[in-house]
Amino acid sequence: MALQPKTFRASEDIVRALKQKADELKISESDVINKALKCYLGIYMDENCDTYMSELKILENKLNTLVKINNLKEV
């Protein structure tokens, strides 16, 4: 499948973490982004998806807690 260029904005902490993960896995930052998105979107699953999904679940739980604490409407 041909890769298509996309542009996005990321916070400094995401940029740092992206570079660190790419260096750790010895793959390009683009490959890290593609793997993460495939896992998140359920397009492709491998042994690394659990890590991404676990981290996303932790963030989701934290967000839900903040929503409950502040009596905010869920988004």
N, C-alpha and C. Protein backbone atom coordinates (compact mmCIF):
# COMPACT_ATOMS: atom_id res chain seq x y z
N MET A 1 0.84 -1.17 0.00
CA MET A 1 0.00 0.00 0.00
C MET A 1 0.90 1.24 0.00
N ALA A 2 0.58 2.19 -0.85
CA ALA A 2 1.37 3.41 -0.95
C ALA A 2 1.13 4.30 0.26
N LEU A 3 2.19 4.87 0.76
CA LEU A 3 2.08 5.80 1.88
C LEU A 3 1.76 7.19 1.35
N GLN A 4 0.88 7.88 2.05
CA GLN A 4 0.50 9.23 1.64
C GLN A 4 0.97 10.21 2.70
N PRO A 5 1.57 11.31 2.27
CA PRO A 5 2.05 12.30 3.25
C PRO A 5 0.90 12.98 3.98
N LYS A 6 1.07 13.18 5.27
CA LYS A 6 0.12 13.90 6.12
C LYS A 6 0.91 14.83 7.02
N THR A 7 0.30 15.94 7.35
CA THR A 7 0.93 16.89 8.26
C THR A 7 0.07 16.99 9.50
N PHE A 8 0.72 17.03 10.67
CA PHE A 8 -0.02 17.21 11.91
C PHE A 8 0.84 18.00 12.88
N ARG A 9 0.19 18.53 13.89
CA ARG A 9 0.90 19.28 14.93
C ARG A 9 0.94 18.43 16.19
N ALA A 10 2.06 18.46 16.86
CA ALA A 10 2.22 17.68 18.09
C ALA A 10 2.89 18.55 19.15
N SER A 11 2.52 18.29 20.39
CA SER A 11 3.14 19.02 21.50
C SER A 11 4.58 18.55 21.67
N GLU A 12 5.35 19.35 22.40
CA GLU A 12 6.78 19.04 22.59
C GLU A 12 6.98 17.70 23.26
N ASP A 13 6.11 17.34 24.22
CA ASP A 13 6.29 16.06 24.90
C ASP A 13 6.04 14.88 23.95
N ILE A 14 5.11 15.03 23.02
CA ILE A 14 4.86 13.98 22.04
C ILE A 14 6.05 13.87 21.09
N VAL A 15 6.59 14.99 20.67
CA VAL A 15 7.74 14.99 19.77
C VAL A 15 8.93 14.30 20.43
N ARG A 16 9.16 14.61 21.69
CA ARG A 16 10.27 13.97 22.42
C ARG A 16 10.05 12.47 22.55
N ALA A 17 8.83 12.08 22.95
CA ALA A 17 8.52 10.67 23.12
C ALA A 17 8.60 9.92 21.79
N LEU A 18 8.17 10.56 20.72
CA LEU A 18 8.22 9.95 19.39
C LEU A 18 9.66 9.68 18.99
N LYS A 19 10.52 10.67 19.17
CA LYS A 19 11.93 10.49 18.83
C LYS A 19 12.56 9.39 19.68
N GLN A 20 12.25 9.40 20.97
CA GLN A 20 12.80 8.39 21.88
C GLN A 20 12.35 6.99 21.46
N LYS A 21 11.08 6.81 21.14
CA LYS A 21 10.57 5.50 20.76
C LYS A 21 11.18 5.05 19.43
N ALA A 22 11.32 5.98 18.48
CA ALA A 22 11.92 5.63 17.19
C ALA A 22 13.38 5.20 17.38
N ASP A 23 14.11 5.92 18.21
CA ASP A 23 15.50 5.55 18.51
C ASP A 23 15.56 4.19 19.19
N GLU A 24 14.68 3.98 20.14
CA GLU A 24 14.64 2.71 20.89
C GLU A 24 14.36 1.52 19.97
N LEU A 25 13.42 1.69 19.05
CA LEU A 25 13.03 0.61 18.14
C LEU A 25 13.89 0.55 16.89
N LYS A 26 14.74 1.59 16.71
CA LYS A 26 15.59 1.70 15.53
C LYS A 26 14.77 1.69 14.25
N ILE A 27 13.69 2.48 14.27
CA ILE A 27 12.85 2.67 13.10
C ILE A 27 12.57 4.17 12.95
N SER A 28 12.01 4.57 11.84
CA SER A 28 11.74 5.99 11.62
C SER A 28 10.56 6.45 12.48
N GLU A 29 10.51 7.75 12.71
CA GLU A 29 9.39 8.33 13.45
C GLU A 29 8.08 8.07 12.70
N SER A 30 8.13 8.12 11.38
CA SER A 30 6.95 7.85 10.56
C SER A 30 6.44 6.42 10.81
N ASP A 31 7.37 5.46 10.92
CA ASP A 31 6.97 4.08 11.20
C ASP A 31 6.32 3.96 12.58
N VAL A 32 6.85 4.69 13.56
CA VAL A 32 6.26 4.66 14.90
C VAL A 32 4.83 5.19 14.84
N ILE A 33 4.64 6.31 14.15
CA ILE A 33 3.30 6.90 14.04
C ILE A 33 2.35 5.95 13.34
N ASN A 34 2.80 5.33 12.24
CA ASN A 34 1.95 4.39 11.52
C ASN A 34 1.58 3.19 12.38
N LYS A 35 2.55 2.64 13.12
CA LYS A 35 2.25 1.50 13.99
C LYS A 35 1.25 1.89 15.08
N ALA A 36 1.45 3.06 15.68
CA ALA A 36 0.57 3.51 16.75
C ALA A 36 -0.85 3.73 16.23
N LEU A 37 -0.97 4.36 15.07
CA LEU A 37 -2.29 4.62 14.51
C LEU A 37 -2.99 3.33 14.10
N LYS A 38 -2.25 2.40 13.52
CA LYS A 38 -2.84 1.12 13.14
C LYS A 38 -3.36 0.38 14.37
N CYS A 39 -2.60 0.41 15.45
CA CYS A 39 -3.04 -0.22 16.70
C CYS A 39 -4.29 0.48 17.22
N TYR A 40 -4.23 1.80 17.31
CA TYR A 40 -5.34 2.57 17.86
C TYR A 40 -6.62 2.40 17.05
N LEU A 41 -6.46 2.38 15.73
CA LEU A 41 -7.63 2.27 14.85
C LEU A 41 -8.08 0.82 14.63
N GLY A 42 -7.31 -0.13 15.17
CA GLY A 42 -7.68 -1.53 15.04
C GLY A 42 -7.45 -2.08 13.64
N ILE A 43 -6.61 -1.43 12.87
CA ILE A 43 -6.32 -1.89 11.50
C ILE A 43 -5.38 -3.08 11.52
N TYR A 44 -4.45 -3.06 12.45
CA TYR A 44 -3.45 -4.13 12.54
C TYR A 44 -3.05 -4.28 13.99
N MET A 45 -2.95 -5.49 14.43
CA MET A 45 -2.56 -5.73 15.82
C MET A 45 -1.31 -6.60 15.85
N ASP A 46 -0.38 -6.27 16.70
CA ASP A 46 0.78 -7.12 16.97
C ASP A 46 1.10 -7.02 18.45
N GLU A 47 2.20 -7.59 18.86
CA GLU A 47 2.52 -7.63 20.29
C GLU A 47 2.73 -6.25 20.90
N ASN A 48 3.04 -5.26 20.06
CA ASN A 48 3.26 -3.90 20.58
C ASN A 48 1.96 -3.14 20.80
N CYS A 49 0.88 -3.59 20.21
CA CYS A 49 -0.39 -2.87 20.34
C CYS A 49 -0.85 -2.82 21.80
N ASP A 50 -0.60 -3.87 22.54
CA ASP A 50 -1.02 -3.89 23.93
C ASP A 50 -0.45 -2.70 24.70
N THR A 51 0.81 -2.37 24.42
CA THR A 51 1.44 -1.24 25.09
C THR A 51 0.71 0.06 24.77
N TYR A 52 0.47 0.29 23.50
CA TYR A 52 -0.22 1.51 23.11
C TYR A 52 -1.63 1.54 23.66
N MET A 53 -2.33 0.41 23.56
CA MET A 53 -3.71 0.37 24.03
C MET A 53 -3.77 0.55 25.54
N SER A 54 -2.82 -0.02 26.27
CA SER A 54 -2.78 0.14 27.73
C SER A 54 -2.57 1.60 28.10
N GLU A 55 -1.66 2.25 27.42
CA GLU A 55 -1.40 3.66 27.70
C GLU A 55 -2.63 4.51 27.38
N LEU A 56 -3.30 4.20 26.28
CA LEU A 56 -4.51 4.93 25.92
C LEU A 56 -5.61 4.69 26.95
N LYS A 57 -5.72 3.48 27.45
CA LYS A 57 -6.74 3.15 28.45
C LYS A 57 -6.46 3.92 29.74
N ILE A 58 -5.21 4.03 30.12
CA ILE A 58 -4.84 4.79 31.32
C ILE A 58 -5.26 6.25 31.15
N LEU A 59 -4.96 6.83 29.99
CA LEU A 59 -5.34 8.22 29.74
C LEU A 59 -6.86 8.39 29.73
N GLU A 60 -7.56 7.43 29.15
CA GLU A 60 -9.02 7.48 29.12
C GLU A 60 -9.59 7.45 30.54
N ASN A 61 -9.04 6.60 31.38
CA ASN A 61 -9.49 6.51 32.77
C ASN A 61 -9.24 7.81 33.52
N LYS A 62 -8.08 8.41 33.28
CA LYS A 62 -7.77 9.68 33.94
C LYS A 62 -8.73 10.77 33.49
N LEU A 63 -9.02 10.80 32.20
CA LEU A 63 -9.95 11.78 31.67
C LEU A 63 -11.35 11.58 32.25
N ASN A 64 -11.79 10.34 32.31
CA ASN A 64 -13.10 10.05 32.90
C ASN A 64 -13.16 10.47 34.37
N THR A 65 -12.08 10.29 35.10
CA THR A 65 -12.02 10.71 36.49
C THR A 65 -12.15 12.22 36.60
N LEU A 66 -11.42 12.94 35.73
CA LEU A 66 -11.52 14.40 35.74
C LEU A 66 -12.93 14.86 35.40
N VAL A 67 -13.55 14.19 34.46
CA VAL A 67 -14.92 14.54 34.08
C VAL A 67 -15.85 14.37 35.29
N LYS A 68 -15.72 13.25 35.99
CA LYS A 68 -16.57 12.99 37.16
C LYS A 68 -16.30 13.99 38.27
N ILE A 69 -15.03 14.28 38.52
CA ILE A 69 -14.66 15.21 39.58
C ILE A 69 -15.24 16.60 39.32
N ASN A 70 -15.20 17.01 38.08
CA ASN A 70 -15.64 18.36 37.73
C ASN A 70 -17.08 18.41 37.25
N ASN A 71 -17.79 17.28 37.35
CA ASN A 71 -19.17 17.21 36.90
C ASN A 71 -19.34 17.74 35.49
N LEU A 72 -18.40 17.38 34.63
CA LEU A 72 -18.44 17.82 33.25
C LEU A 72 -19.22 16.80 32.42
N LYS A 73 -19.72 17.26 31.31
CA LYS A 73 -20.37 16.34 30.38
C LYS A 73 -19.31 15.55 29.66
N GLU A 74 -19.58 14.28 29.40
CA GLU A 74 -18.63 13.47 28.65
C GLU A 74 -18.64 13.92 27.21
N VAL A 75 -17.45 13.86 26.61
CA VAL A 75 -17.32 14.26 25.21
C VAL A 75 -17.40 13.08 24.30
